[in-house]
Protein backbone atom coordinates (compact mmCIF):
# COMPACT_ATOMS: atom_id res chain seq x y z
CA MET A 1 -11.77 -10.27 2.88
CA GLN A 2 -12.07 -6.69 3.12
CA PHE A 3 -11.62 -3.80 0.83
CA GLU A 4 -11.00 -0.33 2.71
CA ARG A 5 -9.36 2.61 2.35
CA ALA A 6 -5.81 2.76 4.21
CA THR A 7 -5.38 4.32 7.41
CA HIS A 8 -2.29 5.61 9.23
CA ALA A 9 -2.32 2.24 11.22
CA ASP A 10 -2.36 0.13 7.81
CA PHE A 11 0.50 2.32 6.77
CA LEU A 12 2.58 1.45 9.84
CA GLU A 13 1.81 -2.00 9.70
CA ILE A 14 2.66 -2.36 6.10
CA LEU A 15 6.04 -0.62 6.51
CA GLY A 16 6.89 -2.96 9.90
CA ASP A 17 5.93 -5.86 7.53
CA LEU A 18 7.79 -4.83 3.97
CA PRO A 19 9.82 -7.95 3.85
CA ASP A 20 6.60 -10.07 3.71
CA PHE A 21 5.23 -8.02 1.00
CA TRP A 22 8.26 -7.60 -1.01
CA ALA A 23 10.80 -10.53 -0.31
CA SER A 24 10.13 -12.13 -3.42
CA SER A 25 11.40 -9.35 -5.42
CA GLY A 26 14.87 -8.96 -4.27
CA PRO A 27 16.03 -7.08 -1.18
CA GLU A 28 13.00 -6.29 0.70
CA TRP A 29 13.90 -2.94 2.02
CA ARG A 30 14.50 -1.46 -1.30
CA THR A 31 11.08 -0.20 -1.63
CA LEU A 32 11.06 1.40 1.69
CA SER A 33 11.77 4.94 0.21
CA TYR A 34 9.03 4.58 -2.15
CA HIS A 35 6.25 4.31 0.70
CA TYR A 36 5.45 7.85 1.05
CA PRO A 37 3.21 8.81 3.84
CA PHE A 38 1.50 11.50 1.71
CA LEU A 39 -0.22 8.52 -0.39
CA VAL A 40 -2.33 7.66 2.47
CA HIS A 41 -2.58 10.93 4.55
CA GLU A 42 -3.13 13.46 1.46
CA TYR A 43 -4.29 10.67 -0.95
CA GLY A 44 -6.38 8.53 1.12
CA ASP A 45 -9.36 8.18 -0.97
CA THR A 46 -7.15 6.45 -3.31
CA ALA A 47 -5.24 4.29 -0.71
CA PHE A 48 -6.34 0.71 -0.53
CA VAL A 49 -6.01 -2.30 1.51
CA VAL A 50 -7.49 -5.72 1.46
CA ARG A 51 -7.87 -6.98 5.04
CA GLU A 52 -8.25 -10.61 6.17
CA GLY A 53 -8.54 -11.51 9.72
CA GLY A 54 -7.64 -7.82 10.81
CA ALA A 55 -4.48 -7.82 9.15
CA VAL A 56 -3.41 -6.36 5.65
CA ILE A 57 -3.00 -8.89 3.06
CA ALA A 58 -2.47 -6.52 0.06
CA TYR A 59 -2.60 -2.60 -0.71
CA LEU A 60 -2.60 -0.16 -3.52
CA PHE A 61 -1.27 3.17 -3.36
CA GLY A 62 -1.84 6.03 -5.92
CA PHE A 63 -3.76 8.77 -6.92
CA ILE A 64 -5.73 10.52 -9.56
CA ALA A 65 -4.75 13.55 -11.36
CA THR A 66 -6.83 16.71 -11.25
CA ALA A 67 -5.72 18.48 -14.44
CA GLU A 68 -6.23 15.25 -16.60
CA PRO A 69 -8.58 12.01 -16.33
CA VAL A 70 -5.74 9.79 -15.26
CA GLY A 71 -4.88 7.71 -12.44
CA TYR A 72 -1.25 6.73 -11.01
CA ILE A 73 -0.58 3.44 -9.40
CA HIS A 74 2.56 4.18 -7.30
CA LEU A 75 2.77 0.76 -5.23
CA VAL A 76 0.80 -2.81 -4.85
CA GLY A 77 1.91 -5.06 -2.56
CA VAL A 78 0.76 -8.42 -1.56
CA ARG A 79 1.85 -10.56 1.28
CA ALA A 80 3.82 -13.81 0.14
CA ALA A 81 1.37 -16.28 1.51
CA HIS A 82 -1.45 -14.79 -0.62
């Protein structure tokens, strides 16, 4: 397993496989609207993926505030098989 910063390609892979990450929590596409591209493009230093065999198996999107020493975790997703 590799822990890396998320890329645009990772973001697209995650969007394409949302049912595999979110099926256990109800209608899997209900989280699509929470997957904001800016979390990877603008806050890429705090958007991470766990990769196994070249595929994203888990991810964390969030950011660290600039005004206060506080962080915000927006989404954490893990593939059903993991």
